[in-house]
PDB file of all heavy atoms in Angstrom:
ATOM      1  N   HIS A   1     247.736  40.765  65.519  1.00  0.00           N
ATOM      2  CA  HIS A   1     248.776  41.660  66.013  1.00  0.00           C
ATOM      3  C   HIS A   1     250.037  41.552  65.175  1.00  0.00           C
ATOM      4  O   HIS A   1     250.703  42.540  64.936  1.00  0.00           O
ATOM      5  CB  HIS A   1     249.099  41.354  67.476  1.00  0.00           C
ATOM      6  CG  HIS A   1     248.015  41.790  68.399  1.00  0.00           C
ATOM      7  ND1 HIS A   1     247.984  43.035  68.941  1.00  0.00           N
ATOM      8  CD2 HIS A   1     246.922  41.152  68.843  1.00  0.00           C
ATOM      9  CE1 HIS A   1     246.914  43.152  69.706  1.00  0.00           C
ATOM     10  NE2 HIS A   1     246.252  42.017  69.659  1.00  0.00           N
ATOM     11  N   SER A   2     250.380  40.344  64.741  1.00  0.00           N
ATOM     12  CA  SER A   2     251.599  40.212  63.958  1.00  0.00           C
ATOM     13  C   SER A   2     251.417  40.833  62.580  1.00  0.00           C
ATOM     14  O   SER A   2     252.368  41.285  61.974  1.00  0.00           O
ATOM     15  CB  SER A   2     252.012  38.749  63.844  1.00  0.00           C
ATOM     16  OG  SER A   2     251.008  38.014  63.179  1.00  0.00           O
ATOM     17  N   ALA A   3     250.186  40.865  62.069  1.00  0.00           N
ATOM     18  CA  ALA A   3     249.938  41.496  60.784  1.00  0.00           C
ATOM     19  C   ALA A   3     250.089  43.009  60.892  1.00  0.00           C
ATOM     20  O   ALA A   3     250.514  43.666  59.957  1.00  0.00           O
ATOM     21  CB  ALA A   3     248.541  41.140  60.285  1.00  0.00           C
ATOM     22  N   ASP A   4     249.723  43.569  62.026  1.00  0.00           N
ATOM     23  CA  ASP A   4     249.836  45.010  62.238  1.00  0.00           C
ATOM     24  C   ASP A   4     250.442  45.233  63.618  1.00  0.00           C
ATOM     25  O   ASP A   4     249.736  45.315  64.603  1.00  0.00           O
ATOM     26  CB  ASP A   4     248.453  45.662  62.129  1.00  0.00           C
ATOM     27  CG  ASP A   4     248.509  47.165  62.309  1.00  0.00           C
ATOM     28  OD1 ASP A   4     249.623  47.730  62.285  1.00  0.00           O
ATOM     29  OD2 ASP A   4     247.451  47.777  62.485  1.00  0.00           O
ATOM     30  N   GLY A   5     251.753  45.311  63.689  1.00  0.00           N
ATOM     31  CA  GLY A   5     252.440  45.460  64.966  1.00  0.00           C
ATOM     32  C   GLY A   5     252.054  46.721  65.710  1.00  0.00           C
ATOM     33  O   GLY A   5     252.190  46.815  66.913  1.00  0.00           O
ATOM     34  N   ARG A   6     251.536  47.713  64.989  1.00  0.00           N
ATOM     35  CA  ARG A   6     251.144  48.963  65.645  1.00  0.00           C
ATOM     36  C   ARG A   6     249.977  48.736  66.595  1.00  0.00           C
ATOM     37  O   ARG A   6     249.911  49.356  67.638  1.00  0.00           O
ATOM     38  CB  ARG A   6     250.803  50.017  64.608  1.00  0.00           C
ATOM     39  CG  ARG A   6     252.025  50.490  63.830  1.00  0.00           C
ATOM     40  CD  ARG A   6     251.645  51.466  62.796  1.00  0.00           C
ATOM     41  NE  ARG A   6     250.841  50.757  61.801  1.00  0.00           N
ATOM     42  CZ  ARG A   6     250.219  51.337  60.789  1.00  0.00           C
ATOM     43  NH1 ARG A   6     250.303  52.616  60.620  1.00  0.00           N
ATOM     44  NH2 ARG A   6     249.514  50.631  59.938  1.00  0.00           N
ATOM     45  N   THR A   7     249.046  47.861  66.242  1.00  0.00           N
ATOM     46  CA  THR A   7     247.917  47.575  67.119  1.00  0.00           C
ATOM     47  C   THR A   7     248.416  47.000  68.434  1.00  0.00           C
ATOM     48  O   THR A   7     247.995  47.421  69.501  1.00  0.00           O
ATOM     49  CB  THR A   7     246.950  46.575  66.454  1.00  0.00           C
ATOM     50  OG1 THR A   7     246.526  47.125  65.221  1.00  0.00           O
ATOM     51  CG2 THR A   7     245.762  46.297  67.334  1.00  0.00           C
ATOM     52  N   HIS A   8     249.341  46.060  68.354  1.00  0.00           N
ATOM     53  CA  HIS A   8     249.906  45.448  69.552  1.00  0.00           C
ATOM     54  C   HIS A   8     250.648  46.492  70.386  1.00  0.00           C
ATOM     55  O   HIS A   8     250.480  46.558  71.597  1.00  0.00           O
ATOM     56  CB  HIS A   8     250.838  44.309  69.166  1.00  0.00           C
ATOM     57  CG  HIS A   8     251.457  43.618  70.328  1.00  0.00           C
ATOM     58  ND1 HIS A   8     250.759  42.724  71.101  1.00  0.00           N
ATOM     59  CD2 HIS A   8     252.694  43.707  70.867  1.00  0.00           C
ATOM     60  CE1 HIS A   8     251.547  42.284  72.068  1.00  0.00           C
ATOM     61  NE2 HIS A   8     252.723  42.866  71.940  1.00  0.00           N
ATOM     62  N   ALA A   9     251.459  47.312  69.740  1.00  0.00           N
ATOM     63  CA  ALA A   9     252.244  48.311  70.452  1.00  0.00           C
ATOM     64  C   ALA A   9     251.338  49.323  71.139  1.00  0.00           C
ATOM     65  O   ALA A   9     251.599  49.737  72.272  1.00  0.00           O
ATOM     66  CB  ALA A   9     253.204  49.019  69.499  1.00  0.00           C
ATOM     67  N   LEU A  10     250.266  49.737  70.471  1.00  0.00           N
ATOM     68  CA  LEU A  10     249.356  50.711  71.074  1.00  0.00           C
ATOM     69  C   LEU A  10     248.678  50.124  72.303  1.00  0.00           C
ATOM     70  O   LEU A  10     248.627  50.767  73.355  1.00  0.00           O
ATOM     71  CB  LEU A  10     248.310  51.150  70.052  1.00  0.00           C
ATOM     72  CG  LEU A  10     247.247  52.118  70.574  1.00  0.00           C
ATOM     73  CD1 LEU A  10     247.916  53.420  71.032  1.00  0.00           C
ATOM     74  CD2 LEU A  10     246.213  52.408  69.514  1.00  0.00           C
ATOM     75  N   ARG A  11     248.182  48.899  72.203  1.00  0.00           N
ATOM     76  CA  ARG A  11     247.548  48.263  73.363  1.00  0.00           C
ATOM     77  C   ARG A  11     248.537  48.093  74.505  1.00  0.00           C
ATOM     78  O   ARG A  11     248.212  48.273  75.663  1.00  0.00           O
ATOM     79  CB  ARG A  11     246.958  46.913  72.980  1.00  0.00           C
ATOM     80  CG  ARG A  11     245.718  47.022  72.163  1.00  0.00           C
ATOM     81  CD  ARG A  11     245.119  45.667  71.912  1.00  0.00           C
ATOM     82  NE  ARG A  11     243.936  45.795  71.096  1.00  0.00           N
ATOM     83  CZ  ARG A  11     243.238  44.772  70.685  1.00  0.00           C
ATOM     84  NH1 ARG A  11     243.591  43.549  71.010  1.00  0.00           N
ATOM     85  NH2 ARG A  11     242.168  44.953  69.940  1.00  0.00           N
ATOM     86  N   TYR A  12     249.758  47.722  74.163  1.00  0.00           N
ATOM     87  CA  TYR A  12     250.796  47.542  75.178  1.00  0.00           C
ATOM     88  C   TYR A  12     251.086  48.865  75.892  1.00  0.00           C
ATOM     89  O   TYR A  12     251.153  48.917  77.114  1.00  0.00           O
ATOM     90  CB  TYR A  12     252.062  47.007  74.493  1.00  0.00           C
ATOM     91  CG  TYR A  12     253.218  46.796  75.418  1.00  0.00           C
ATOM     92  CD1 TYR A  12     253.275  45.670  76.234  1.00  0.00           C
ATOM     93  CD2 TYR A  12     254.262  47.708  75.490  1.00  0.00           C
ATOM     94  CE1 TYR A  12     254.337  45.460  77.075  1.00  0.00           C
ATOM     95  CE2 TYR A  12     255.328  47.503  76.326  1.00  0.00           C
ATOM     96  CZ  TYR A  12     255.363  46.385  77.117  1.00  0.00           C
ATOM     97  OH  TYR A  12     256.423  46.177  77.959  1.00  0.00           O
ATOM     98  N   ARG A  13     251.229  49.926  75.147  1.00  0.00           N
ATOM     99  CA  ARG A  13     251.528  51.226  75.764  1.00  0.00           C
ATOM    100  C   ARG A  13     250.345  51.745  76.580  1.00  0.00           C
ATOM    101  O   ARG A  13     250.533  52.344  77.628  1.00  0.00           O
ATOM    102  CB  ARG A  13     251.944  52.226  74.705  1.00  0.00           C
ATOM    103  CG  ARG A  13     253.315  51.907  74.166  1.00  0.00           C
ATOM    104  CD  ARG A  13     253.743  52.844  73.098  1.00  0.00           C
ATOM    105  NE  ARG A  13     254.978  52.342  72.514  1.00  0.00           N
ATOM    106  CZ  ARG A  13     255.964  53.087  72.114  1.00  0.00           C
ATOM    107  NH1 ARG A  13     255.867  54.384  72.222  1.00  0.00           N
ATOM    108  NH2 ARG A  13     257.037  52.552  71.604  1.00  0.00           N
ATOM    109  N   LEU A  14     249.135  51.532  76.087  1.00  0.00           N
ATOM    110  CA  LEU A  14     247.964  51.946  76.860  1.00  0.00           C
ATOM    111  C   LEU A  14     247.871  51.161  78.164  1.00  0.00           C
ATOM    112  O   LEU A  14     247.515  51.716  79.210  1.00  0.00           O
ATOM    113  CB  LEU A  14     246.683  51.757  76.044  1.00  0.00           C
ATOM    114  CG  LEU A  14     246.464  52.757  74.917  1.00  0.00           C
ATOM    115  CD1 LEU A  14     245.251  52.360  74.093  1.00  0.00           C
ATOM    116  CD2 LEU A  14     246.296  54.160  75.464  1.00  0.00           C
ATOM    117  N   ALA A  15     248.199  49.875  78.107  1.00  0.00           N
ATOM    118  CA  ALA A  15     248.184  49.064  79.325  1.00  0.00           C
ATOM    119  C   ALA A  15     249.211  49.577  80.318  1.00  0.00           C
ATOM    120  O   ALA A  15     248.949  49.668  81.514  1.00  0.00           O
ATOM    121  CB  ALA A  15     248.466  47.600  78.982  1.00  0.00           C
ATOM    122  N   ARG A  16     250.395  49.941  79.841  1.00  0.00           N
ATOM    123  CA  ARG A  16     251.444  50.464  80.716  1.00  0.00           C
ATOM    124  C   ARG A  16     251.065  51.816  81.313  1.00  0.00           C
ATOM    125  O   ARG A  16     251.488  52.154  82.406  1.00  0.00           O
ATOM    126  CB  ARG A  16     252.766  50.627  79.953  1.00  0.00           C
ATOM    127  CG  ARG A  16     253.422  49.344  79.627  1.00  0.00           C
ATOM    128  CD  ARG A  16     253.948  48.754  80.880  1.00  0.00           C
ATOM    129  NE  ARG A  16     254.728  47.570  80.579  1.00  0.00           N
ATOM    130  CZ  ARG A  16     255.092  46.727  81.486  1.00  0.00           C
ATOM    131  NH1 ARG A  16     254.774  46.911  82.735  1.00  0.00           N
ATOM    132  NH2 ARG A  16     255.786  45.670  81.172  1.00  0.00           N
ATOM    133  N   ALA A  17     250.271  52.605  80.590  1.00  0.00           N
ATOM    134  CA  ALA A  17     249.903  53.938  81.063  1.00  0.00           C
ATOM    135  C   ALA A  17     248.691  53.914  81.993  1.00  0.00           C
ATOM    136  O   ALA A  17     248.424  54.906  82.669  1.00  0.00           O
ATOM    137  CB  ALA A  17     249.610  54.841  79.876  1.00  0.00           C
ATOM    138  N   SER A  18     247.980  52.802  82.072  1.00  0.00           N
ATOM    139  CA  SER A  18     246.734  52.784  82.840  1.00  0.00           C
ATOM    140  C   SER A  18     246.942  52.980  84.335  1.00  0.00           C
ATOM    141  O   SER A  18     246.162  53.684  84.980  1.00  0.00           O
ATOM    142  CB  SER A  18     245.966  51.489  82.586  1.00  0.00           C
ATOM    143  OG  SER A  18     246.686  50.377  83.067  1.00  0.00           O
ATOM    144  N   VAL A  19     247.980  52.391  84.908  1.00  0.00           N
ATOM    145  CA  VAL A  19     248.194  52.532  86.352  1.00  0.00           C
ATOM    146  C   VAL A  19     248.620  53.959  86.721  1.00  0.00           C
ATOM    147  O   VAL A  19     248.046  54.552  87.625  1.00  0.00           O
ATOM    148  CB  VAL A  19     249.180  51.469  86.877  1.00  0.00           C
ATOM    149  CG1 VAL A  19     249.513  51.708  88.338  1.00  0.00           C
ATOM    150  CG2 VAL A  19     248.580  50.078  86.702  1.00  0.00           C
ATOM    151  N   PRO A  20     249.604  54.568  86.028  1.00  0.00           N
ATOM    152  CA  PRO A  20     249.906  55.962  86.359  1.00  0.00           C
ATOM    153  C   PRO A  20     248.723  56.894  86.120  1.00  0.00           C
ATOM    154  O   PRO A  20     248.492  57.828  86.903  1.00  0.00           O
ATOM    155  CB  PRO A  20     251.068  56.322  85.423  1.00  0.00           C
ATOM    156  CG  PRO A  20     251.680  55.035  85.056  1.00  0.00           C
ATOM    157  CD  PRO A  20     250.571  54.024  85.073  1.00  0.00           C
ATOM    158  N   ALA A  21     247.956  56.637  85.063  1.00  0.00           N
ATOM    159  CA  ALA A  21     246.788  57.476  84.799  1.00  0.00           C
ATOM    160  C   ALA A  21     245.758  57.334  85.911  1.00  0.00           C
ATOM    161  O   ALA A  21     245.030  58.286  86.224  1.00  0.00           O
ATOM    162  CB  ALA A  21     246.181  57.108  83.447  1.00  0.00           C
ATOM    163  N   SER A  22     245.700  56.157  86.527  1.00  0.00           N
ATOM    164  CA  SER A  22     244.741  55.968  87.616  1.00  0.00           C
ATOM    165  C   SER A  22     245.104  56.831  88.824  1.00  0.00           C
ATOM    166  O   SER A  22     244.222  57.239  89.581  1.00  0.00           O
ATOM    167  CB  SER A  22     244.669  54.501  88.024  1.00  0.00           C
ATOM    168  OG  SER A  22     245.865  54.096  88.675  1.00  0.00           O
ATOM    169  N   GLY A  23     246.381  57.133  89.006  1.00  0.00           N
ATOM    170  CA  GLY A  23     246.784  58.033  90.083  1.00  0.00           C
ATOM    171  C   GLY A  23     246.225  59.425  89.877  1.00  0.00           C
ATOM    172  O   GLY A  23     245.715  60.058  90.810  1.00  0.00           O
ATOM    173  N   VAL A  24     246.297  59.901  88.654  1.00  0.00           N
ATOM    174  CA  VAL A  24     245.734  61.217  88.328  1.00  0.00           C
ATOM    175  C   VAL A  24     244.216  61.183  88.492  1.00  0.00           C
ATOM    176  O   VAL A  24     243.616  62.118  89.038  1.00  0.00           O
ATOM    177  CB  VAL A  24     246.129  61.628  86.895  1.00  0.00           C
ATOM    178  CG1 VAL A  24     245.446  62.920  86.488  1.00  0.00           C
ATOM    179  CG2 VAL A  24     247.641  61.766  86.772  1.00  0.00           C
ATOM    180  N   ALA A  25     243.602  60.093  88.033  1.00  0.00           N
ATOM    181  CA  ALA A  25     242.145  59.958  88.168  1.00  0.00           C
ATOM    182  C   ALA A  25     241.730  59.938  89.633  1.00  0.00           C
ATOM    183  O   ALA A  25     240.722  60.551  90.009  1.00  0.00           O
ATOM    184  CB  ALA A  25     241.668  58.692  87.469  1.00  0.00           C
ATOM    185  N   SER A  26     242.514  59.273  90.479  1.00  0.00           N
ATOM    186  CA  SER A  26     242.153  59.216  91.896  1.00  0.00           C
ATOM    187  C   SER A  26     242.246  60.604  92.539  1.00  0.00           C
ATOM    188  O   SER A  26     241.421  60.954  93.385  1.00  0.00           O
ATOM    189  CB  SER A  26     243.028  58.219  92.644  1.00  0.00           C
ATOM    190  OG  SER A  26     244.367  58.650  92.682  1.00  0.00           O
TER     191      SER A  26
END
C-alpha cells in the first residue's frame, strides 16, 4: 500500500461506501 497509495485509498473508499450501498441493495 505504501508503494502505491492509490490501492490503499481505493480500498478505503470502497469500504466506506459499502454500508450506504447496502441500503440501496436492501
